[in-house]
Amino acid sequence: MTQDREYHRPVMAGVVVALLGSVPPGVVVDATFGGGGHAEELSRVLGPRHRVLGIDRDPTAVGRVEGRGGRLQVIHGNFADLAELLDREGVQAPVGVLFDFGLSSRQLDEPARGFSFRHRGPLDMRMDPGSEITAHTLVNEYSVADLATLIRRFGEEPSADGIAAAIVRSRPIEDTVQLAEVIAGAVRGPRRRGHPARRTFQALRMAVNDELAAIDTGLDQALEHLAVDGRCVAISYHSLEDRLVKQKMAGATAGCICPPDLPVCGCGVSPKFRLLTRGAEKPDATEVASNPRARSARLRAVARVAA
C-alpha cells in the first residue's frame, strides 16, 4: 500500500482528515477506495475504537490489500448498493462516509482499461471489469442521435452533434487513440483548453458505469444510515457530479441557512443535518502545483445532528 499511496495521491487529504478525523468511535466508510490514499490516512489518524471499511467496484483495487488485516478492510462492491453492503458487513450506522468520485491514477494510466485518450488501449472504460457494457458498444452500436444525447448530457460538449456524426462515419472504431483522433477532427471553433476528446471520454465513461445514478442512490443511502454526529464528505470533479452533491446536501439540511461554524442551528429550522463547508471547498495552489489532477476537485460535507 505504501507504493500505491506514493503513486496515487489522495486529493484534499488534509481537508478529508480534518473533517473525518474527529468523528465518534465506529466505522468510517471510504466508499470509493481506489488507490487507498484517503483510507490509509484515515486509518493512521483514527483511534483503536475506529474501523475503516473501503469499498471499490474495481476488484484489482480490493486485491491489492486482501489479507492485510488490522483496522482497514476493503470489499468489492458498488456504492450504489451501500445499504446492502453495510448490512452484509454488520454495519448499522457508520460514523463517517467518504466519496471521491474521480478515477484513480492507476486506472487512468493503465492503457488496458481504456479510460485515457492519451494511451492506446481497448474501448473498455469499465470500473468493474465484470460489467457487461463497454465503451466499444456505445461507440460502435449507438445511433447518431443517441450518441449525441449521451455526449451532450454527460460531457456537456457543445460539439456533440458533430462528434456523434463523425464517430458513426468512422466505424468501426477499435481503440482509444483512434477515437480521440476522430473526435479531434470533428471539433470546430476556437482551440479549447485541454484535449478536445476530454469531454466525450468523460461522457462515455459516465454512461458505461452509470455514474450519476450511482451517486444519486449512494448519497441517499449514506445520509440515511449515517450515525448522529457522523459526517459525510464528497469530492466531485465536474459540474454534473458537484451539482448533484450540492442538491442532495442542501435537501438534507432542510433549508437551514446558518454558517457551518455555528455550533447549533440559530434560524429555527433545526434540521437533521448541518453543512460543514461554505459552498464547495477547492484544493489550494500548492496541491494543484504538485498534483495537477486535483485542479477540478470540489469538496462538500455535512454532519448529522439529529436522529
Protein backbone atom coordinates (compact mmCIF):
# COMPACT_ATOMS: atom_id res chain seq x y z
CA MET A 1 0.00 0.00 0.00
CA THR A 2 2.90 2.40 0.53
CA GLN A 3 3.71 2.25 -3.20
CA ASP A 4 0.04 2.83 -4.05
CA ARG A 5 -0.08 5.86 -1.79
CA GLU A 6 3.01 7.31 -3.50
CA TYR A 7 1.59 6.51 -6.95
CA HIS A 8 -1.93 7.78 -6.32
CA ARG A 9 -2.02 11.00 -4.33
CA PRO A 10 -5.28 11.37 -2.42
CA VAL A 11 -6.96 14.65 -3.33
CA MET A 12 -7.50 17.19 -0.49
CA ALA A 13 -6.35 14.59 2.04
CA GLY A 14 -5.75 17.22 4.72
CA VAL A 15 -9.30 18.51 4.47
CA VAL A 16 -10.73 14.97 4.50
CA VAL A 17 -8.75 14.07 7.62
CA ALA A 18 -9.77 17.32 9.33
CA LEU A 19 -13.44 16.56 8.67
CA LEU A 20 -13.45 12.82 9.43
CA GLY A 21 -10.61 12.56 11.94
CA SER A 22 -12.75 13.66 14.87
CA VAL A 23 -15.87 11.52 14.36
CA PRO A 24 -17.15 9.37 17.26
CA PRO A 25 -15.89 5.78 17.61
CA GLY A 26 -17.29 3.45 14.97
CA VAL A 27 -16.91 2.56 11.31
CA VAL A 28 -15.73 5.08 8.73
CA VAL A 29 -16.54 4.07 5.14
CA ASP A 30 -14.37 5.02 2.18
CA ALA A 31 -16.96 4.24 -0.48
CA THR A 32 -14.52 4.84 -3.35
CA PHE A 33 -11.33 3.17 -2.10
CA GLY A 34 -9.36 3.43 -5.37
CA GLY A 35 -5.65 3.78 -4.67
CA GLY A 36 -6.30 3.72 -0.94
CA GLY A 37 -4.74 7.07 -0.10
CA HIS A 38 -7.65 8.52 1.84
CA ALA A 39 -8.36 5.25 3.67
CA GLU A 40 -4.70 4.92 4.63
CA GLU A 41 -4.62 8.44 6.04
CA LEU A 42 -7.83 7.92 7.99
CA SER A 43 -6.67 4.57 9.33
CA ARG A 44 -3.47 6.21 10.55
CA VAL A 45 -5.22 9.15 12.25
CA LEU A 46 -8.28 7.47 13.76
CA GLY A 47 -8.04 5.68 17.08
CA PRO A 48 -8.29 1.99 18.01
CA ARG A 49 -12.06 2.32 18.50
CA HIS A 50 -12.47 3.09 14.81
CA ARG A 51 -12.51 0.79 11.80
CA VAL A 52 -12.11 1.87 8.19
CA LEU A 53 -14.17 -0.02 5.61
CA GLY A 54 -13.16 0.53 1.99
CA ILE A 55 -15.47 -0.24 -0.94
CA ASP A 56 -14.50 -0.35 -4.61
CA ARG A 57 -16.08 -1.51 -7.86
CA ASP A 58 -12.66 -2.49 -9.19
CA PRO A 59 -11.61 -5.93 -7.92
CA THR A 60 -7.94 -5.12 -8.59
CA ALA A 61 -8.11 -2.32 -6.01
CA VAL A 62 -9.51 -4.79 -3.49
CA GLY A 63 -6.93 -7.41 -4.38
CA ARG A 64 -4.03 -5.10 -3.57
CA VAL A 65 -4.97 -5.07 0.14
CA GLU A 66 -6.56 -8.50 0.66
CA GLY A 67 -5.19 -10.34 3.67
CA ARG A 68 -3.84 -7.12 5.12
CA GLY A 69 -5.82 -7.36 8.39
CA GLY A 70 -5.85 -4.61 11.02
CA ARG A 71 -8.41 -1.83 11.20
CA LEU A 72 -8.60 -1.35 7.42
CA GLN A 73 -10.83 -3.72 5.47
CA VAL A 74 -11.67 -3.45 1.75
CA ILE A 75 -14.56 -5.17 -0.01
CA HIS A 76 -15.69 -5.40 -3.64
CA GLY A 77 -18.93 -3.59 -4.41
CA ASN A 78 -20.67 -0.59 -5.93
CA PHE A 79 -21.50 2.27 -3.56
CA ALA A 80 -24.87 2.45 -5.29
CA ASP A 81 -25.60 -0.64 -3.15
CA LEU A 82 -24.21 0.95 0.02
CA ALA A 83 -27.05 -0.06 2.32
CA GLU A 84 -26.81 -3.70 1.24
CA LEU A 85 -23.02 -3.72 1.62
CA LEU A 86 -23.21 -2.18 5.10
CA ASP A 87 -25.80 -4.74 6.16
CA ARG A 88 -23.64 -7.56 4.84
CA GLU A 89 -20.70 -6.29 6.90
CA GLY A 90 -22.82 -5.81 10.03
CA VAL A 91 -22.54 -2.00 9.97
CA GLN A 92 -25.76 -0.32 11.09
CA ALA A 93 -24.72 3.34 11.31
CA PRO A 94 -21.30 4.46 10.03
CA VAL A 95 -19.81 7.49 11.74
CA GLY A 96 -18.27 8.71 8.51
CA VAL A 97 -18.73 8.17 4.77
CA LEU A 98 -16.34 9.47 2.14
CA PHE A 99 -16.96 9.62 -1.61
CA ASP A 100 -14.19 10.57 -4.05
CA PHE A 101 -15.76 10.34 -7.49
CA GLY A 102 -12.55 10.64 -9.51
CA LEU A 103 -10.67 7.85 -11.25
CA SER A 104 -7.56 6.60 -9.51
CA SER A 105 -4.26 7.39 -11.24
CA ARG A 106 -3.70 3.66 -11.64
CA GLN A 107 -6.94 3.24 -13.62
CA LEU A 108 -6.23 6.29 -15.77
CA ASP A 109 -2.66 5.31 -16.57
CA GLU A 110 -3.31 1.65 -17.45
CA PRO A 111 -3.92 1.57 -21.24
CA ALA A 112 -5.75 -1.77 -20.99
CA ARG A 113 -8.55 -0.10 -19.01
CA GLY A 114 -9.33 2.26 -21.88
CA PHE A 115 -10.01 5.38 -19.78
CA SER A 116 -7.38 7.66 -21.32
CA PHE A 117 -7.29 9.29 -24.74
CA ARG A 118 -3.51 9.67 -24.35
CA HIS A 119 -2.69 5.95 -24.31
CA ARG A 120 -3.74 3.43 -26.95
CA GLY A 121 -6.00 0.80 -25.46
CA PRO A 122 -9.30 -1.02 -25.96
CA LEU A 123 -12.57 0.89 -25.76
CA ASP A 124 -13.43 -0.50 -22.34
CA MET A 125 -13.85 2.15 -19.58
CA ARG A 126 -15.49 -0.23 -17.09
CA MET A 127 -14.68 0.47 -13.44
CA ASP A 128 -15.77 -3.09 -12.73
CA PRO A 129 -14.34 -5.37 -15.44
CA GLY A 130 -17.17 -7.80 -14.71
CA SER A 131 -19.81 -5.39 -16.01
CA GLU A 132 -21.37 -6.21 -19.37
CA ILE A 133 -21.44 -2.94 -21.32
CA THR A 134 -18.23 -1.30 -22.57
CA ALA A 135 -17.42 1.92 -24.41
CA HIS A 136 -16.91 -0.18 -27.55
CA THR A 137 -20.63 -1.00 -27.53
CA LEU A 138 -21.66 2.65 -27.25
CA VAL A 139 -19.19 3.90 -29.85
CA ASN A 140 -19.90 1.23 -32.46
CA GLU A 141 -23.60 0.46 -31.95
CA TYR A 142 -25.42 3.60 -30.78
CA SER A 143 -27.23 5.75 -33.34
CA VAL A 144 -26.06 9.29 -34.11
CA ALA A 145 -28.95 10.72 -32.09
CA ASP A 146 -28.32 8.52 -29.06
CA LEU A 147 -24.58 9.21 -29.12
CA ALA A 148 -25.15 12.96 -29.40
CA THR A 149 -27.57 12.91 -26.48
CA LEU A 150 -25.12 10.93 -24.34
CA ILE A 151 -22.16 13.19 -25.16
CA ARG A 152 -24.19 16.35 -24.60
CA ARG A 153 -25.71 15.17 -21.32
CA PHE A 154 -22.71 13.62 -19.60
CA GLY A 155 -19.91 15.59 -21.26
CA GLU A 156 -21.66 18.97 -21.60
CA GLU A 157 -19.99 19.02 -25.01
CA PRO A 158 -21.19 21.82 -27.35
CA SER A 159 -19.96 19.90 -30.42
CA ALA A 160 -21.90 16.75 -29.51
CA ASP A 161 -23.83 16.51 -32.79
CA GLY A 162 -20.73 16.80 -34.95
CA ILE A 163 -18.74 14.38 -32.82
CA ALA A 164 -21.53 11.78 -32.88
CA ALA A 165 -21.84 12.03 -36.66
CA ALA A 166 -18.07 11.69 -37.10
CA ILE A 167 -17.96 8.62 -34.86
CA VAL A 168 -20.68 6.87 -36.84
CA ARG A 169 -18.98 7.72 -40.15
CA SER A 170 -15.66 6.32 -38.89
CA ARG A 171 -16.92 2.94 -37.68
CA PRO A 172 -15.58 0.51 -36.76
CA ILE A 173 -13.52 2.29 -34.09
CA GLU A 174 -11.40 -0.16 -32.14
CA ASP A 175 -9.17 1.76 -29.74
CA THR A 176 -8.89 4.92 -27.64
CA VAL A 177 -6.36 6.77 -29.79
CA GLN A 178 -8.41 6.18 -32.95
CA LEU A 179 -11.50 7.51 -31.16
CA ALA A 180 -9.61 10.55 -29.85
CA GLU A 181 -8.42 11.38 -33.37
CA VAL A 182 -11.97 11.13 -34.76
CA ILE A 183 -13.24 13.47 -32.04
CA ALA A 184 -10.41 15.97 -32.53
CA GLY A 185 -11.20 16.12 -36.25
CA ALA A 186 -14.87 16.83 -35.53
CA VAL A 187 -14.44 19.66 -33.02
CA ARG A 188 -14.66 23.08 -34.63
CA GLY A 189 -14.22 26.56 -33.27
CA PRO A 190 -11.56 28.20 -31.08
CA ARG A 191 -8.88 25.99 -29.57
CA ARG A 192 -10.07 24.94 -26.11
CA ARG A 193 -8.03 24.23 -23.02
CA GLY A 194 -7.18 20.57 -22.79
CA HIS A 195 -7.64 17.80 -25.33
CA PRO A 196 -10.81 18.07 -27.49
CA ALA A 197 -11.68 14.44 -26.64
CA ARG A 198 -11.74 15.00 -22.88
CA ARG A 199 -15.45 15.72 -22.55
CA THR A 200 -16.53 12.88 -24.84
CA PHE A 201 -14.36 10.36 -22.99
CA GLN A 202 -15.87 11.59 -19.73
CA ALA A 203 -19.37 11.15 -21.15
CA LEU A 204 -18.69 7.61 -22.36
CA ARG A 205 -17.12 6.60 -19.04
CA MET A 206 -20.06 8.01 -17.07
CA ALA A 207 -22.55 6.19 -19.28
CA VAL A 208 -20.68 2.87 -19.16
CA ASN A 209 -20.56 2.96 -15.35
CA ASP A 210 -23.95 4.65 -14.77
CA GLU A 211 -22.12 7.08 -12.52
CA LEU A 212 -24.75 9.76 -11.84
CA ALA A 213 -27.34 7.16 -10.86
CA ALA A 214 -24.81 5.57 -8.50
CA ILE A 215 -24.04 8.95 -6.89
CA ASP A 216 -27.76 9.67 -6.55
CA THR A 217 -28.59 6.44 -4.73
CA GLY A 218 -25.27 6.15 -2.90
CA LEU A 219 -25.54 9.58 -1.30
CA ASP A 220 -29.14 8.94 -0.28
CA GLN A 221 -28.16 5.71 1.45
CA ALA A 222 -25.12 7.28 3.13
CA LEU A 223 -27.18 10.11 4.60
CA GLU A 224 -29.98 7.76 5.65
CA HIS A 225 -27.65 5.42 7.56
CA LEU A 226 -25.20 7.97 8.98
CA ALA A 227 -24.93 7.95 12.78
CA VAL A 228 -25.74 11.04 14.83
CA ASP A 229 -22.59 13.22 14.95
CA GLY A 230 -21.36 11.31 11.89
CA ARG A 231 -20.13 13.10 8.78
CA CYS A 232 -20.45 12.62 5.03
CA VAL A 233 -17.81 14.06 2.69
CA ALA A 234 -18.00 14.08 -1.13
CA ILE A 235 -15.34 15.13 -3.64
CA SER A 236 -16.51 15.84 -7.20
CA TYR A 237 -14.57 16.62 -10.37
CA HIS A 238 -17.05 18.21 -12.74
CA SER A 239 -20.23 20.22 -12.62
CA LEU A 240 -22.69 17.34 -13.06
CA GLU A 241 -21.32 15.50 -10.01
CA ASP A 242 -20.96 18.64 -7.91
CA ARG A 243 -24.45 19.86 -8.78
CA LEU A 244 -25.95 16.55 -7.66
CA VAL A 245 -23.94 16.54 -4.40
CA LYS A 246 -24.95 20.15 -3.72
CA GLN A 247 -28.64 19.34 -4.27
CA LYS A 248 -28.51 16.27 -2.02
CA MET A 249 -26.76 18.08 0.81
CA ALA A 250 -28.96 21.16 0.51
CA GLY A 251 -32.02 18.91 0.70
CA ALA A 252 -30.63 17.14 3.75
CA THR A 253 -30.09 20.42 5.62
CA ALA A 254 -33.76 21.29 5.02
CA GLY A 255 -33.30 24.99 4.41
CA CYS A 256 -31.02 25.85 7.32
CA ILE A 257 -29.01 28.97 6.39
CA CYS A 258 -26.75 29.10 9.45
CA PRO A 259 -22.99 29.25 8.77
CA PRO A 260 -21.06 25.96 9.14
CA ASP A 261 -19.11 27.22 12.18
CA LEU A 262 -22.25 27.97 14.23
CA PRO A 263 -22.45 25.31 17.00
CA VAL A 264 -26.25 24.92 16.78
CA CYS A 265 -28.95 25.90 14.35
CA GLY A 266 -29.94 29.51 15.09
CA CYS A 267 -32.50 30.07 12.35
CA GLY A 268 -35.19 27.86 13.86
CA VAL A 269 -35.15 25.16 11.17
CA SER A 270 -33.44 22.54 13.39
CA PRO A 271 -32.59 20.12 10.55
CA LYS A 272 -31.21 16.61 10.90
CA PHE A 273 -28.05 17.67 9.03
CA ARG A 274 -25.78 20.71 9.09
CA LEU A 275 -23.42 21.88 6.36
CA LEU A 276 -19.73 21.71 7.25
CA THR A 277 -18.45 23.60 4.21
CA ARG A 278 -19.19 27.06 2.85
CA GLY A 279 -20.05 26.20 -0.71
CA ALA A 280 -17.55 23.85 -2.35
CA GLU A 281 -14.01 23.80 -1.00
CA LYS A 282 -11.19 23.63 -3.55
CA PRO A 283 -7.59 22.39 -3.35
CA ASP A 284 -5.03 25.10 -2.64
CA ALA A 285 -2.44 26.26 -5.15
CA THR A 286 0.30 24.17 -3.55
CA GLU A 287 -1.64 20.93 -4.00
CA VAL A 288 -2.61 21.77 -7.58
CA ALA A 289 1.03 22.53 -8.42
CA SER A 290 2.19 19.16 -7.07
CA ASN A 291 -0.83 17.16 -8.28
CA PRO A 292 -2.45 18.74 -11.38
CA ARG A 293 -5.21 16.10 -11.38
CA ALA A 294 -6.59 17.77 -8.24
CA ARG A 295 -7.31 21.01 -10.12
CA SER A 296 -11.01 20.41 -10.72
CA ALA A 297 -11.80 18.86 -7.30
CA ARG A 298 -14.70 20.29 -5.29
CA LEU A 299 -15.42 19.08 -1.74
CA ARG A 300 -18.68 19.37 0.20
CA ALA A 301 -19.57 17.91 3.61
CA VAL A 302 -22.45 17.59 6.07
CA ALA A 303 -22.80 16.34 9.63
CA ARG A 304 -25.79 14.54 11.11
CA VAL A 305 -27.02 16.38 14.20
CA ALA A 306 -30.27 14.56 14.97
CA ALA A 307 -31.75 11.10 14.60
